[in-house]
């Protein structure tokens, strides 16, 4: 008898509600249980309160950056996998996110294929755990 996999929980944080909805929709289509947060504090409280396997982090405020979140997210929930939403050049993302173990990043105008690749990578890793 095949063991049924428990649903994966994902958190989406971005200051742009339309982008948050789009990301949440992409995740929901893959049967993730999705919660969205409108602030860094709300997101960190969610991480403390429940088991969240994946966080998709964009800009926490209109003038903030996903890089501002990394340390607090990893410190609060080191086993939560991270995908960043950023239009920064790949080299800059690599430099600023080095050591935080992110799965990867997508641009703010990402295509469904881009996020699909990262979700497949996450799911392969998650199956090993």
N, C-alpha and C. Protein backbone atom coordinates (compact mmCIF):
# COMPACT_ATOMS: atom_id res chain seq x y z
N UNK A 1 0.84 -1.18 0.00
CA UNK A 1 0.00 0.00 0.00
C UNK A 1 0.88 1.24 0.00
N UNK A 2 0.61 2.15 -0.90
CA UNK A 2 1.41 3.37 -1.02
C UNK A 2 1.03 4.37 0.05
N UNK A 3 2.05 4.92 0.71
CA UNK A 3 1.82 5.91 1.75
C UNK A 3 1.46 7.25 1.10
N UNK A 4 0.35 7.82 1.52
CA UNK A 4 -0.09 9.11 0.97
C UNK A 4 0.74 10.23 1.59
N UNK A 5 1.30 11.05 0.72
CA UNK A 5 2.12 12.18 1.15
C UNK A 5 1.24 13.26 1.77
N UNK A 6 1.66 13.77 2.92
CA UNK A 6 0.93 14.87 3.55
C UNK A 6 1.05 16.11 2.66
N UNK A 7 0.05 16.98 2.68
CA UNK A 7 0.14 18.18 1.83
C UNK A 7 1.31 19.06 2.27
N UNK A 8 1.91 19.70 1.30
CA UNK A 8 3.01 20.62 1.58
C UNK A 8 2.44 22.00 1.85
N UNK A 9 3.01 22.67 2.84
CA UNK A 9 2.56 24.00 3.22
C UNK A 9 3.55 25.04 2.71
N UNK A 10 3.01 26.09 2.12
CA UNK A 10 3.85 27.15 1.57
C UNK A 10 3.38 28.51 2.07
N UNK A 11 4.33 29.40 2.21
CA UNK A 11 4.08 30.77 2.64
C UNK A 11 4.55 31.71 1.54
N UNK A 12 3.74 32.69 1.22
CA UNK A 12 4.09 33.70 0.22
C UNK A 12 4.10 35.06 0.89
N UNK A 13 5.18 35.82 0.68
CA UNK A 13 5.28 37.17 1.23
C UNK A 13 5.77 38.12 0.15
N UNK A 14 4.97 39.11 -0.16
CA UNK A 14 5.37 40.20 -1.04
C UNK A 14 4.45 41.38 -0.78
N UNK A 15 4.98 42.58 -0.92
CA UNK A 15 4.18 43.79 -0.68
C UNK A 15 3.13 44.02 -1.76
N UNK A 16 3.31 43.40 -2.93
CA UNK A 16 2.37 43.55 -4.03
C UNK A 16 1.31 42.45 -3.94
N UNK A 17 0.07 42.79 -3.56
CA UNK A 17 -0.97 41.77 -3.41
C UNK A 17 -1.24 40.98 -4.69
N UNK A 18 -1.14 41.62 -5.84
CA UNK A 18 -1.39 40.92 -7.11
C UNK A 18 -0.32 39.85 -7.35
N UNK A 19 0.93 40.17 -7.05
CA UNK A 19 2.00 39.19 -7.21
C UNK A 19 1.84 38.06 -6.21
N UNK A 20 1.50 38.39 -4.97
CA UNK A 20 1.27 37.35 -3.95
C UNK A 20 0.17 36.40 -4.39
N UNK A 21 -0.92 36.95 -4.93
CA UNK A 21 -2.03 36.09 -5.41
C UNK A 21 -1.58 35.20 -6.56
N UNK A 22 -0.78 35.76 -7.47
CA UNK A 22 -0.31 34.98 -8.61
C UNK A 22 0.58 33.82 -8.16
N UNK A 23 1.49 34.09 -7.24
CA UNK A 23 2.36 33.04 -6.72
C UNK A 23 1.52 32.00 -5.96
N UNK A 24 0.61 32.47 -5.12
CA UNK A 24 -0.25 31.55 -4.36
C UNK A 24 -1.06 30.67 -5.30
N UNK A 25 -1.54 31.23 -6.38
CA UNK A 25 -2.30 30.45 -7.36
C UNK A 25 -1.42 29.38 -8.00
N UNK A 26 -0.19 29.73 -8.36
CA UNK A 26 0.75 28.76 -8.94
C UNK A 26 0.98 27.60 -7.98
N UNK A 27 1.12 27.91 -6.70
CA UNK A 27 1.35 26.87 -5.70
C UNK A 27 0.09 26.04 -5.46
N UNK A 28 -1.05 26.68 -5.40
CA UNK A 28 -2.32 25.97 -5.17
C UNK A 28 -2.60 24.98 -6.29
N UNK A 29 -2.24 25.35 -7.51
CA UNK A 29 -2.45 24.44 -8.64
C UNK A 29 -1.65 23.16 -8.48
N UNK A 30 -0.57 23.21 -7.71
CA UNK A 30 0.25 22.03 -7.43
C UNK A 30 -0.14 21.39 -6.09
N UNK A 31 -1.31 21.75 -5.57
CA UNK A 31 -1.86 21.18 -4.34
C UNK A 31 -1.11 21.56 -3.07
N UNK A 32 -0.42 22.68 -3.08
CA UNK A 32 0.18 23.19 -1.85
C UNK A 32 -0.92 23.86 -1.03
N UNK A 33 -0.80 23.77 0.27
CA UNK A 33 -1.65 24.52 1.19
C UNK A 33 -0.93 25.86 1.38
N UNK A 34 -1.52 26.93 0.89
CA UNK A 34 -0.82 28.22 0.82
C UNK A 34 -1.40 29.23 1.80
N UNK A 35 -0.49 29.92 2.49
CA UNK A 35 -0.87 31.07 3.29
C UNK A 35 -0.07 32.26 2.77
N UNK A 36 -0.67 33.44 2.84
CA UNK A 36 0.05 34.64 2.42
C UNK A 36 0.19 35.57 3.62
N UNK A 37 1.27 36.30 3.62
CA UNK A 37 1.52 37.27 4.69
C UNK A 37 1.73 38.63 4.05
N UNK A 38 1.33 39.65 4.78
CA UNK A 38 1.47 41.01 4.25
C UNK A 38 2.62 41.77 4.91
N UNK A 39 3.30 41.13 5.86
CA UNK A 39 4.44 41.78 6.51
C UNK A 39 5.44 40.72 6.97
N UNK A 40 6.65 41.16 7.20
CA UNK A 40 7.69 40.28 7.71
C UNK A 40 7.28 39.68 9.05
N UNK A 41 6.74 40.51 9.92
CA UNK A 41 6.35 40.05 11.26
C UNK A 41 5.26 38.98 11.17
N UNK A 42 4.27 39.22 10.33
CA UNK A 42 3.20 38.23 10.16
C UNK A 42 3.76 36.92 9.63
N UNK A 43 4.65 36.99 8.67
CA UNK A 43 5.25 35.79 8.09
C UNK A 43 6.07 35.02 9.12
N UNK A 44 6.86 35.72 9.92
CA UNK A 44 7.67 35.05 10.94
C UNK A 44 6.78 34.40 11.99
N UNK A 45 5.68 35.05 12.36
CA UNK A 45 4.75 34.44 13.31
C UNK A 45 4.12 33.18 12.73
N UNK A 46 3.82 33.18 11.45
CA UNK A 46 3.28 31.98 10.80
C UNK A 46 4.30 30.85 10.82
N UNK A 47 5.57 31.19 10.57
CA UNK A 47 6.63 30.18 10.59
C UNK A 47 6.77 29.56 11.97
N UNK A 48 6.60 30.36 13.00
CA UNK A 48 6.70 29.86 14.38
C UNK A 48 5.50 29.01 14.76
N UNK A 49 4.33 29.32 14.21
CA UNK A 49 3.09 28.68 14.62
C UNK A 49 2.79 27.38 13.90
N UNK A 50 3.33 27.20 12.70
CA UNK A 50 2.99 25.99 11.94
C UNK A 50 4.18 25.51 11.12
N UNK A 51 4.09 24.28 10.68
CA UNK A 51 5.14 23.69 9.86
C UNK A 51 4.95 24.14 8.41
N UNK A 52 5.88 24.93 7.93
CA UNK A 52 5.83 25.42 6.55
C UNK A 52 7.10 24.92 5.86
N UNK A 53 6.90 24.15 4.80
CA UNK A 53 8.04 23.55 4.12
C UNK A 53 8.69 24.48 3.09
N UNK A 54 7.91 25.42 2.54
CA UNK A 54 8.42 26.28 1.47
C UNK A 54 7.95 27.72 1.68
N UNK A 55 8.88 28.65 1.54
CA UNK A 55 8.52 30.08 1.59
C UNK A 55 9.00 30.74 0.31
N UNK A 56 8.11 31.51 -0.29
CA UNK A 56 8.43 32.28 -1.49
C UNK A 56 8.46 33.74 -1.07
N UNK A 57 9.65 34.32 -1.09
CA UNK A 57 9.85 35.65 -0.51
C UNK A 57 10.15 36.69 -1.57
N UNK A 58 9.31 37.71 -1.60
CA UNK A 58 9.55 38.87 -2.45
C UNK A 58 9.91 40.05 -1.57
N UNK A 59 9.48 41.21 -1.96
CA UNK A 59 9.76 42.42 -1.20
C UNK A 59 8.74 42.57 -0.07
N UNK A 60 9.21 42.65 1.18
CA UNK A 60 8.28 42.75 2.30
C UNK A 60 7.57 44.10 2.38
N UNK A 61 8.17 45.13 1.81
CA UNK A 61 7.57 46.47 1.76
C UNK A 61 7.87 47.04 0.38
N UNK A 62 7.22 48.14 0.06
CA UNK A 62 7.42 48.75 -1.26
C UNK A 62 8.90 49.08 -1.52
N UNK A 63 9.63 49.47 -0.48
CA UNK A 63 11.04 49.81 -0.68
C UNK A 63 11.97 48.81 0.02
N UNK A 64 11.45 47.66 0.38
CA UNK A 64 12.25 46.62 1.02
C UNK A 64 12.78 45.64 -0.01
N UNK A 65 13.49 44.65 0.47
CA UNK A 65 14.10 43.65 -0.41
C UNK A 65 13.96 42.26 0.20
N UNK A 66 13.86 41.27 -0.65
CA UNK A 66 13.79 39.89 -0.16
C UNK A 66 15.06 39.53 0.62
N UNK A 67 16.16 40.21 0.32
CA UNK A 67 17.41 39.92 1.01
C UNK A 67 17.35 40.34 2.49
N UNK A 68 16.49 41.31 2.79
CA UNK A 68 16.32 41.75 4.17
C UNK A 68 15.69 40.66 5.04
N UNK A 69 15.06 39.69 4.43
CA UNK A 69 14.32 38.66 5.14
C UNK A 69 15.12 37.41 5.44
N UNK A 70 16.12 37.13 4.64
CA UNK A 70 16.77 35.82 4.67
C UNK A 70 17.24 35.39 6.06
N UNK A 71 18.00 36.22 6.73
CA UNK A 71 18.58 35.84 8.02
C UNK A 71 17.48 35.47 9.02
N UNK A 72 16.45 36.31 9.12
CA UNK A 72 15.38 36.04 10.08
C UNK A 72 14.60 34.78 9.74
N UNK A 73 14.37 34.54 8.45
CA UNK A 73 13.63 33.34 8.06
C UNK A 73 14.42 32.08 8.36
N UNK A 74 15.71 32.07 8.02
CA UNK A 74 16.54 30.90 8.27
C UNK A 74 16.70 30.66 9.77
N UNK A 75 16.85 31.72 10.53
CA UNK A 75 16.98 31.61 11.99
C UNK A 75 15.69 31.07 12.62
N UNK A 76 14.55 31.53 12.13
CA UNK A 76 13.26 31.12 12.69
C UNK A 76 12.88 29.71 12.29
N UNK A 77 13.15 29.34 11.05
CA UNK A 77 12.75 28.03 10.54
C UNK A 77 13.80 27.50 9.57
N UNK A 78 14.89 26.93 10.10
CA UNK A 78 16.01 26.53 9.24
C UNK A 78 15.67 25.43 8.22
N UNK A 79 14.61 24.68 8.44
CA UNK A 79 14.25 23.61 7.51
C UNK A 79 13.28 24.05 6.42
N UNK A 80 12.83 25.29 6.47
CA UNK A 80 11.94 25.80 5.43
C UNK A 80 12.77 26.17 4.20
N UNK A 81 12.42 25.60 3.06
CA UNK A 81 13.11 25.92 1.81
C UNK A 81 12.65 27.29 1.31
N UNK A 82 13.56 28.00 0.65
CA UNK A 82 13.27 29.37 0.23
C UNK A 82 13.44 29.57 -1.27
N UNK A 83 12.47 30.25 -1.86
CA UNK A 83 12.56 30.74 -3.24
C UNK A 83 12.43 32.26 -3.16
N UNK A 84 13.32 32.97 -3.83
CA UNK A 84 13.27 34.42 -3.82
C UNK A 84 12.61 34.95 -5.09
N UNK A 85 11.90 36.06 -4.94
CA UNK A 85 11.34 36.79 -6.08
C UNK A 85 12.11 38.09 -6.15
N UNK A 86 12.90 38.24 -7.21
CA UNK A 86 13.75 39.44 -7.31
C UNK A 86 14.12 39.70 -8.77
N UNK A 87 14.18 40.96 -9.12
CA UNK A 87 14.65 41.36 -10.44
C UNK A 87 16.14 41.71 -10.43
N UNK A 88 16.79 41.46 -9.31
CA UNK A 88 18.23 41.72 -9.23
C UNK A 88 18.97 40.76 -10.17
N UNK A 89 20.13 41.16 -10.66
CA UNK A 89 20.92 40.26 -11.52
C UNK A 89 21.30 38.98 -10.75
N UNK A 90 21.41 37.88 -11.47
CA UNK A 90 21.73 36.59 -10.86
C UNK A 90 22.97 36.62 -9.98
N UNK A 91 24.02 37.35 -10.43
CA UNK A 91 25.26 37.43 -9.65
C UNK A 91 25.00 38.11 -8.30
N UNK A 92 24.21 39.17 -8.31
CA UNK A 92 23.89 39.87 -7.06
C UNK A 92 23.09 38.97 -6.13
N UNK A 93 22.14 38.24 -6.68
CA UNK A 93 21.34 37.32 -5.86
C UNK A 93 22.25 36.27 -5.24
N UNK A 94 23.15 35.71 -6.04
CA UNK A 94 24.07 34.70 -5.54
C UNK A 94 24.93 35.26 -4.39
N UNK A 95 25.45 36.47 -4.58
CA UNK A 95 26.31 37.08 -3.55
C UNK A 95 25.54 37.36 -2.26
N UNK A 96 24.35 37.93 -2.39
CA UNK A 96 23.59 38.31 -1.20
C UNK A 96 22.93 37.13 -0.50
N UNK A 97 22.63 36.07 -1.25
CA UNK A 97 21.93 34.93 -0.66
C UNK A 97 22.87 33.78 -0.32
N UNK A 98 24.15 33.94 -0.62
CA UNK A 98 25.11 32.87 -0.36
C UNK A 98 25.09 32.49 1.12
N UNK A 99 25.06 31.22 1.38
CA UNK A 99 25.07 30.73 2.75
C UNK A 99 23.69 30.54 3.35
N UNK A 100 22.65 30.96 2.64
CA UNK A 100 21.30 30.82 3.17
C UNK A 100 20.57 29.62 2.58
N UNK A 101 21.18 28.94 1.62
CA UNK A 101 20.60 27.72 1.08
C UNK A 101 19.30 27.89 0.33
N UNK A 102 19.18 28.96 -0.45
CA UNK A 102 17.94 29.15 -1.21
C UNK A 102 17.88 28.13 -2.34
N UNK A 103 16.65 27.76 -2.73
CA UNK A 103 16.46 26.86 -3.86
C UNK A 103 16.76 27.55 -5.18
N UNK A 104 16.48 28.83 -5.24
CA UNK A 104 16.66 29.60 -6.46
C UNK A 104 15.83 30.85 -6.41
N UNK A 105 15.69 31.47 -7.57
CA UNK A 105 14.92 32.72 -7.62
C UNK A 105 14.17 32.81 -8.94
N UNK A 106 13.14 33.63 -8.94
CA UNK A 106 12.40 33.97 -10.16
C UNK A 106 12.27 35.49 -10.19
N UNK A 107 12.07 36.01 -11.39
CA UNK A 107 11.87 37.46 -11.51
C UNK A 107 10.44 37.79 -11.10
N UNK A 108 10.17 39.05 -10.90
CA UNK A 108 8.83 39.48 -10.50
C UNK A 108 7.82 39.24 -11.62
N UNK A 109 8.29 39.09 -12.84
CA UNK A 109 7.41 38.79 -13.98
C UNK A 109 7.66 37.36 -14.45
N UNK A 110 7.85 36.45 -13.50
CA UNK A 110 8.22 35.06 -13.81
C UNK A 110 7.19 34.38 -14.72
N UNK A 111 7.69 33.40 -15.45
CA UNK A 111 6.81 32.57 -16.27
C UNK A 111 6.42 31.34 -15.45
N UNK A 112 5.30 30.71 -15.78
CA UNK A 112 4.91 29.50 -15.06
C UNK A 112 6.00 28.42 -15.10
N UNK A 113 6.73 28.35 -16.20
CA UNK A 113 7.79 27.34 -16.32
C UNK A 113 8.91 27.58 -15.32
N UNK A 114 9.23 28.86 -15.08
CA UNK A 114 10.32 29.18 -14.15
C UNK A 114 10.00 28.68 -12.75
N UNK A 115 8.82 28.99 -12.27
CA UNK A 115 8.48 28.57 -10.91
C UNK A 115 8.26 27.06 -10.87
N UNK A 116 7.77 26.49 -11.95
CA UNK A 116 7.55 25.05 -12.03
C UNK A 116 8.87 24.30 -11.83
N UNK A 117 9.95 24.77 -12.46
CA UNK A 117 11.26 24.13 -12.32
C UNK A 117 11.72 24.14 -10.86
N UNK A 118 11.53 25.27 -10.20
CA UNK A 118 11.95 25.37 -8.79
C UNK A 118 11.09 24.50 -7.89
N UNK A 119 9.80 24.42 -8.18
CA UNK A 119 8.91 23.56 -7.39
C UNK A 119 9.28 22.09 -7.57
N UNK A 120 9.63 21.70 -8.78
CA UNK A 120 10.06 20.32 -9.02
C UNK A 120 11.35 20.02 -8.25
N UNK A 121 12.28 20.97 -8.25
CA UNK A 121 13.52 20.82 -7.49
C UNK A 121 13.21 20.65 -6.00
N UNK A 122 12.33 21.51 -5.48
CA UNK A 122 11.94 21.43 -4.08
C UNK A 122 11.29 20.07 -3.77
N UNK A 123 10.40 19.61 -4.63
CA UNK A 123 9.69 18.35 -4.38
C UNK A 123 10.65 17.16 -4.41
N UNK A 124 11.65 17.18 -5.29
CA UNK A 124 12.66 16.10 -5.31
C UNK A 124 13.42 16.08 -3.99
N UNK A 125 13.82 17.25 -3.52
CA UNK A 125 14.55 17.34 -2.25
C UNK A 125 13.66 16.90 -1.10
N UNK A 126 12.42 17.36 -1.10
CA UNK A 126 11.50 17.05 -0.01
C UNK A 126 11.21 15.55 0.08
N UNK A 127 11.20 14.85 -1.04
CA UNK A 127 10.96 13.40 -1.02
C UNK A 127 12.08 12.65 -0.32
N UNK A 128 13.26 13.22 -0.32
CA UNK A 128 14.41 12.58 0.33
C UNK A 128 14.38 12.75 1.85
N UNK A 129 13.62 13.70 2.33
CA UNK A 129 13.58 13.98 3.77
C UNK A 129 12.64 13.05 4.50
